[in-house]
Amino acid sequence: MKRRSLFFVSPQHVEIREEQLPAPAAGQALVQTIVSAISAGTEMLAYHGQITDETAPEGNNPSLQSSFQYPFKYGYSCVGQVVSLGAGVPAEWVGRRVFSFHPHESHFLAGLEELMPLADSMPIERALFIPNMETSVNFLLDGRPVIGEQAAIFGMGVVGLLTISLLAQFPLQTLIGIDRLERRRALALEAGAHAVFSPEEMATGLLKSILPSPEKGKNGFDLVFELSGSPDALNQAIAAAGFAGRIVIGSWYGRKTVKLELDGRFHRSRIQLVSSQVSTVTPGLAGRWDKSRRMTLALQQLDVVKPERWITHRMTFTDAQAAYDMLAESPKEALQVILVY
């Protein structure tokens, strides 16, 4: 049979191409895709040509090719239905709805270890947020929020909103969201932020003015997450952190240059920069936590947060170029765009 696959062919240019698809091999299932989600973070770096083989992130996607030389496939959130099986696969897999960390294409072959059966109670569109929720859970495992802390999140895209939603369940003293877009700031308030600000307001020192100052010179946030994807925001995060503040860097900048301002205050304040990446669990928790436990928690939180409400556009797979253009050119309107097959 033939399938339709999305290829990144040059910066800001994607194409849907037909490919021959063999029958499932032993141990494989053939999945027909129902919907897939476009990541407005890492995937848009690929769209803009800002990922190289050296800067590519590791993740949970064994189906991705190893090279980011054009043309290449990318994507990591597909929901589909198993339509046929290879030898040795139990017959009850036929007809199952499954999630897979897989690029955008109409059909794909996968081993059973690459497929996550979905509960009947899991809405198809909610399942598309599995990768982002797993990432957000990982941020909190790395950040380790403490009761009564003051926390700030830079970037109110989907991952930022999910992180706000998780942090809102903690007894924090202050939970702040920062984003340049007014609509996303409004969504952050709905997700549980106590207050929201623009980066310009943050630059004036307004954020710190709302925090209690137990001791002069130590005023600032205990915990900061940089999730905006903007290299400039990392310096703003450092400026917002208090004494011994922790900054979890969840943004993937790709080929963008990051120039840090590590002046005397950074050292005197003992600010900690914490890298976070979902391909591993932080070593400090690895004795009790593994990826399976983390995923179980992510699935539970999806039913709590119900993030499908943040889907702004549903577009046909054949209109993929327009979908990417919209995310790139109209971030005020487009938050989460999904492709329907």
Protein backbone atom coordinates (compact mmCIF):
# COMPACT_ATOMS: atom_id res chain seq x y z
CA MET A 1 0.00 0.00 0.00
CA LYS A 2 0.97 3.66 -0.11
CA ARG A 3 1.00 6.25 2.66
CA ARG A 4 1.25 10.03 2.73
CA SER A 5 4.15 11.42 4.76
CA LEU A 6 5.08 14.96 5.69
CA PHE A 7 8.64 16.03 4.91
CA PHE A 8 10.53 19.17 5.88
CA VAL A 9 12.23 19.94 2.56
CA SER A 10 13.76 23.40 3.23
CA PRO A 11 13.37 26.19 5.78
CA GLN A 12 9.66 27.09 6.10
CA HIS A 13 8.66 24.57 3.45
CA VAL A 14 6.99 21.19 3.97
CA GLU A 15 5.66 18.70 1.45
CA ILE A 16 3.35 15.70 1.63
CA ARG A 17 4.78 12.82 -0.39
CA GLU A 18 3.50 9.37 -1.21
CA GLU A 19 5.64 6.45 -0.09
CA GLN A 20 5.39 2.69 -0.51
CA LEU A 21 4.60 0.95 2.77
CA PRO A 22 5.30 -2.77 3.16
CA ALA A 23 3.06 -5.14 5.06
CA PRO A 24 3.69 -5.37 8.82
CA ALA A 25 6.66 -7.54 9.72
CA ALA A 26 6.59 -9.99 12.59
CA GLY A 27 5.87 -8.15 15.84
CA GLN A 28 4.64 -5.01 14.06
CA ALA A 29 1.27 -3.29 13.77
CA LEU A 30 0.01 -1.05 10.98
CA VAL A 31 -1.56 2.12 12.35
CA GLN A 32 -3.85 4.46 10.43
CA THR A 33 -3.44 7.97 11.82
CA ILE A 34 -6.55 9.86 12.98
CA VAL A 35 -4.96 13.12 14.21
CA SER A 36 -1.51 14.49 14.95
CA ALA A 37 -0.36 17.59 16.80
CA ILE A 38 2.19 20.17 15.66
CA SER A 39 4.60 21.22 18.38
CA ALA A 40 4.95 25.00 18.48
CA GLY A 41 8.33 24.60 20.20
CA THR A 42 10.92 22.13 18.94
CA GLU A 43 9.01 21.31 15.78
CA MET A 44 8.88 24.95 14.73
CA LEU A 45 12.66 25.07 15.12
CA ALA A 46 12.74 22.28 12.53
CA TYR A 47 10.34 24.26 10.33
CA HIS A 48 12.62 27.32 10.46
CA GLY A 49 15.76 25.27 9.79
CA GLN A 50 17.16 25.88 13.28
CA ILE A 51 17.92 22.27 14.18
CA THR A 52 21.09 20.47 13.10
CA ASP A 53 22.30 16.96 13.81
CA GLU A 54 24.44 18.45 16.59
CA THR A 55 21.65 20.50 18.24
CA ALA A 56 18.80 17.99 17.85
CA PRO A 57 17.06 17.05 21.11
CA GLU A 58 16.80 13.49 22.31
CA GLY A 59 13.32 12.31 23.11
CA ASN A 60 11.05 9.30 23.21
CA ASN A 61 10.70 8.92 19.46
CA PRO A 62 12.48 5.84 18.06
CA SER A 63 10.87 6.41 14.66
CA LEU A 64 12.75 9.64 13.94
CA GLN A 65 15.58 9.42 11.46
CA SER A 66 19.02 10.18 12.82
CA SER A 67 19.81 13.03 10.42
CA PHE A 68 18.23 16.47 10.14
CA GLN A 69 19.53 17.01 6.63
CA TYR A 70 16.73 17.87 4.18
CA PRO A 71 14.42 16.22 3.43
CA PHE A 72 13.51 14.77 6.83
CA LYS A 73 10.45 13.80 8.85
CA TYR A 74 9.67 15.26 12.26
CA GLY A 75 6.84 15.21 14.75
CA TYR A 76 6.06 13.28 17.91
CA SER A 77 2.35 13.18 18.67
CA CYS A 78 0.09 10.86 16.68
CA VAL A 79 -3.16 9.14 17.61
CA GLY A 80 -4.41 6.40 15.34
CA GLN A 81 -6.09 3.02 15.07
CA VAL A 82 -4.44 -0.34 14.50
CA VAL A 83 -5.72 -1.77 11.20
CA SER A 84 -3.57 -4.85 10.58
CA LEU A 85 -0.95 -6.98 12.30
CA GLY A 86 2.25 -8.82 11.57
CA ALA A 87 2.97 -12.35 12.67
CA GLY A 88 3.02 -12.94 16.39
CA VAL A 89 0.92 -9.92 17.39
CA PRO A 90 -2.20 -10.82 19.42
CA ALA A 91 -5.40 -10.41 17.40
CA GLU A 92 -6.98 -8.15 20.05
CA TRP A 93 -4.72 -5.31 18.91
CA VAL A 94 -6.82 -4.83 15.74
CA GLY A 95 -9.11 -1.83 16.15
CA ARG A 96 -7.30 -0.43 19.20
CA ARG A 97 -6.84 3.32 19.46
CA VAL A 98 -3.19 4.04 20.19
CA PHE A 99 -0.82 6.93 20.80
CA SER A 100 2.68 7.00 19.33
CA PHE A 101 5.64 9.39 19.39
CA HIS A 102 5.66 9.43 15.60
CA PRO A 103 6.11 11.95 12.74
CA HIS A 104 3.14 13.17 10.71
CA GLU A 105 1.98 10.55 8.19
CA SER A 106 -1.24 8.81 7.24
CA HIS A 107 -0.08 5.27 8.13
CA PHE A 108 2.94 3.87 9.92
CA LEU A 109 4.43 0.60 11.09
CA ALA A 110 5.46 0.21 14.70
CA GLY A 111 6.48 -2.40 17.19
CA LEU A 112 4.10 -2.88 20.10
CA GLU A 113 6.63 -1.21 22.42
CA GLU A 114 6.20 1.99 20.39
CA LEU A 115 2.41 2.06 20.82
CA MET A 116 0.43 3.16 23.87
CA PRO A 117 -3.12 1.76 23.94
CA LEU A 118 -5.60 4.45 24.96
CA ALA A 119 -8.35 3.91 27.49
CA ASP A 120 -11.88 4.25 26.13
CA SER A 121 -12.33 7.21 28.48
CA MET A 122 -9.42 9.12 26.91
CA PRO A 123 -10.65 11.59 24.25
CA ILE A 124 -8.60 11.39 21.07
CA GLU A 125 -7.66 15.07 21.10
CA ARG A 126 -6.64 14.95 24.77
CA ALA A 127 -4.22 12.14 23.99
CA LEU A 128 -2.32 14.44 21.62
CA PHE A 129 -1.03 16.30 24.69
CA ILE A 130 0.73 13.24 26.13
CA PRO A 131 4.25 14.37 25.10
CA ASN A 132 3.82 17.91 26.42
CA MET A 133 2.29 16.74 29.69
CA GLU A 134 5.11 14.25 30.22
CA THR A 135 7.56 17.09 29.62
CA SER A 136 5.77 19.35 32.10
CA VAL A 137 5.75 16.63 34.76
CA ASN A 138 9.47 16.25 34.16
CA PHE A 139 9.97 19.99 34.72
CA LEU A 140 8.44 19.71 38.17
CA LEU A 141 10.53 16.66 39.01
CA ASP A 142 13.61 18.72 38.12
CA GLY A 143 12.41 21.93 39.80
CA ARG A 144 11.12 20.29 43.01
CA PRO A 145 8.70 23.00 44.17
CA VAL A 146 8.40 23.45 47.93
CA ILE A 147 5.39 24.55 49.97
CA GLY A 148 5.18 28.33 50.26
CA GLU A 149 7.62 29.06 47.44
CA GLN A 150 7.35 31.87 44.90
CA ALA A 151 7.44 30.60 41.33
CA ALA A 152 7.48 32.24 37.90
CA ILE A 153 7.13 30.71 34.44
CA PHE A 154 8.41 32.42 31.29
CA GLY A 155 6.44 31.35 28.22
CA MET A 156 2.72 30.56 28.17
CA GLY A 157 2.62 28.25 25.19
CA VAL A 158 1.09 24.81 25.64
CA VAL A 159 3.98 23.51 27.76
CA GLY A 160 3.96 26.67 29.88
CA LEU A 161 0.21 26.41 30.44
CA LEU A 162 0.51 22.76 31.40
CA THR A 163 3.30 23.63 33.84
CA ILE A 164 1.18 26.40 35.36
CA SER A 165 -1.69 23.91 35.71
CA LEU A 166 0.53 21.46 37.60
CA LEU A 167 2.09 24.11 39.84
CA ALA A 168 -1.35 25.51 40.65
CA GLN A 169 -2.02 22.25 42.53
CA PHE A 170 0.86 23.02 44.95
CA PRO A 171 0.48 25.27 48.01
CA LEU A 172 2.74 27.96 46.56
CA GLN A 173 2.75 31.48 47.93
CA THR A 174 3.03 33.09 44.49
CA LEU A 175 2.61 31.70 40.95
CA ILE A 176 3.34 34.11 38.10
CA GLY A 177 3.09 33.69 34.31
CA ILE A 178 5.05 35.82 31.84
CA ASP A 179 4.29 36.02 28.12
CA ARG A 180 4.31 38.71 25.44
CA LEU A 181 0.86 37.76 24.12
CA GLU A 182 -2.20 39.02 25.98
CA ARG A 183 -4.37 36.04 25.06
CA ARG A 184 -1.87 33.58 26.46
CA ARG A 185 -1.58 35.58 29.67
CA ALA A 186 -5.37 35.34 30.02
CA LEU A 187 -5.19 31.56 29.55
CA ALA A 188 -2.48 31.39 32.23
CA LEU A 189 -4.85 33.02 34.71
CA GLU A 190 -7.52 30.46 33.81
CA ALA A 191 -4.94 27.70 34.33
CA GLY A 192 -4.20 28.86 37.87
CA ALA A 193 -1.61 31.65 37.75
CA HIS A 194 -2.05 34.21 40.54
CA ALA A 195 -0.93 37.03 38.26
CA VAL A 196 0.51 37.52 34.77
CA PHE A 197 2.91 40.02 33.22
CA SER A 198 4.47 40.87 29.88
CA PRO A 199 8.27 40.66 29.46
CA GLU A 200 8.31 44.46 29.28
CA GLU A 201 6.63 44.74 32.67
CA MET A 202 9.08 42.23 34.05
CA ALA A 203 12.01 44.31 32.75
CA THR A 204 10.86 47.28 34.83
CA GLY A 205 11.27 45.31 38.05
CA LEU A 206 7.52 45.10 38.61
CA LEU A 207 7.67 41.38 39.31
CA LYS A 208 10.01 41.68 42.23
CA SER A 209 8.00 44.55 43.67
CA ILE A 210 5.09 42.18 44.36
CA LEU A 211 7.23 39.74 46.36
CA PRO A 212 7.90 39.97 50.07
CA SER A 213 11.48 40.85 50.90
CA PRO A 214 12.54 39.10 54.10
CA GLU A 215 16.06 40.39 53.77
CA LYS A 216 17.44 43.20 51.62
CA GLY A 217 19.21 41.93 48.53
CA LYS A 218 17.54 38.53 48.57
CA ASN A 219 14.22 39.49 47.04
CA GLY A 220 13.26 37.34 44.07
CA PHE A 221 11.66 34.09 43.01
CA ASP A 222 12.59 30.78 44.59
CA LEU A 223 11.80 28.82 41.43
CA VAL A 224 11.76 30.01 37.81
CA PHE A 225 10.97 28.01 34.65
CA GLU A 226 12.23 29.30 31.30
CA LEU A 227 9.89 27.75 28.71
CA SER A 228 9.54 30.55 26.17
CA GLY A 229 12.04 29.34 23.58
CA SER A 230 13.53 32.86 23.51
CA PRO A 231 17.22 33.12 24.46
CA ASP A 232 16.62 36.65 25.82
CA ALA A 233 14.20 35.27 28.40
CA LEU A 234 16.96 33.32 30.13
CA ASN A 235 18.66 36.53 31.25
CA GLN A 236 15.28 37.83 32.43
CA ALA A 237 14.82 34.62 34.40
CA ILE A 238 18.21 35.10 36.05
CA ALA A 239 17.29 38.67 36.93
CA ALA A 240 14.01 37.50 38.48
CA ALA A 241 15.55 34.77 40.65
CA GLY A 242 16.25 35.41 44.33
CA PHE A 243 19.11 34.19 46.50
CA ALA A 244 19.86 30.52 45.72
CA GLY A 245 16.96 30.58 43.28
CA ARG A 246 16.55 27.64 40.93
CA ILE A 247 16.02 28.22 37.19
CA VAL A 248 14.78 25.20 35.25
CA ILE A 249 15.67 25.61 31.57
CA GLY A 250 13.09 23.72 29.56
CA SER A 251 13.46 25.72 26.34
CA TRP A 252 15.28 24.13 23.43
CA TYR A 253 17.00 26.94 21.54
CA GLY A 254 18.38 24.93 18.61
CA ARG A 255 20.84 27.08 16.66
CA LYS A 256 19.84 30.30 18.42
CA THR A 257 22.73 31.92 20.27
CA VAL A 258 22.30 32.38 24.01
CA LYS A 259 24.37 35.18 25.59
CA LEU A 260 24.18 34.97 29.36
CA GLU A 261 24.79 37.92 31.64
CA LEU A 262 26.58 36.20 34.50
CA ASP A 263 27.57 39.29 36.43
CA GLY A 264 28.52 39.57 40.08
CA ARG A 265 24.94 39.27 41.29
CA PHE A 266 24.58 35.87 39.62
CA HIS A 267 27.52 34.52 41.63
CA ARG A 268 26.79 36.35 44.88
CA SER A 269 23.18 35.13 44.76
CA ARG A 270 24.25 31.51 44.15
CA ILE A 271 21.64 31.15 41.40
CA GLN A 272 21.28 27.60 40.09
CA LEU A 273 20.71 26.83 36.39
CA VAL A 274 19.03 23.43 36.02
CA SER A 275 18.85 21.72 32.64
CA SER A 276 15.74 19.63 31.99
CA GLN A 277 15.15 17.10 29.23
CA VAL A 278 12.41 14.52 29.03
CA SER A 279 14.63 11.76 27.61
CA THR A 280 15.79 10.98 31.17
CA VAL A 281 14.57 11.21 34.76
CA THR A 282 16.65 13.38 37.07
CA PRO A 283 19.30 11.17 38.73
CA GLY A 284 18.33 12.42 42.19
CA LEU A 285 14.95 10.67 41.86
CA ALA A 286 15.93 7.75 39.64
CA GLY A 287 16.00 5.36 42.58
CA ARG A 288 12.21 5.66 42.88
CA TRP A 289 11.09 7.21 39.60
CA ASP A 290 11.35 5.83 36.09
CA LYS A 291 9.73 6.77 32.78
CA SER A 292 6.82 4.42 33.37
CA ARG A 293 5.90 6.06 36.69
CA ARG A 294 6.30 9.51 35.14
CA MET A 295 4.03 8.59 32.21
CA THR A 296 1.38 7.16 34.54
CA LEU A 297 1.29 10.48 36.38
CA ALA A 298 1.17 12.43 33.08
CA LEU A 299 -1.87 10.44 31.93
CA GLN A 300 -3.62 11.07 35.23
CA GLN A 301 -2.94 14.79 34.99
CA LEU A 302 -4.34 14.97 31.46
CA ASP A 303 -7.72 14.02 32.88
CA VAL A 304 -7.36 16.71 35.54
CA VAL A 305 -6.24 19.57 33.27
CA LYS A 306 -8.17 18.65 30.06
CA PRO A 307 -5.79 20.58 27.76
CA GLU A 308 -7.76 19.92 24.55
CA ARG A 309 -9.50 23.22 25.34
CA TRP A 310 -6.33 24.92 24.08
CA ILE A 311 -6.66 23.55 20.54
CA THR A 312 -7.21 26.63 18.40
CA HIS A 313 -7.15 25.14 14.88
CA ARG A 314 -8.06 21.80 13.34
CA MET A 315 -6.73 21.56 9.78
CA THR A 316 -6.66 18.76 7.24
CA PHE A 317 -3.39 16.94 6.73
CA THR A 318 -3.28 18.17 3.13
CA ASP A 319 -3.21 21.76 4.46
CA ALA A 320 -0.07 21.13 6.54
CA GLN A 321 1.91 23.95 4.92
CA ALA A 322 -0.79 26.44 5.87
CA ALA A 323 -0.84 25.04 9.41
CA TYR A 324 2.89 25.63 9.89
CA ASP A 325 2.65 29.08 8.32
CA MET A 326 -0.13 29.99 10.74
CA LEU A 327 1.90 28.96 13.78
CA ALA A 328 4.87 30.95 12.49
CA GLU A 329 3.02 34.09 11.41
CA SER A 330 -0.02 34.30 13.71
CA PRO A 331 0.98 33.28 17.24
CA LYS A 332 -1.70 35.58 18.63
CA GLU A 333 -4.38 33.35 17.12
CA ALA A 334 -2.68 29.94 16.93
CA LEU A 335 -1.77 28.12 20.14
CA GLN A 336 -2.23 24.42 19.41
CA VAL A 337 -2.79 23.34 15.82
CA ILE A 338 -3.68 19.75 15.00
CA LEU A 339 -3.81 17.90 11.68
CA VAL A 340 -6.86 15.76 10.89
CA TYR A 341 -6.42 12.82 8.50
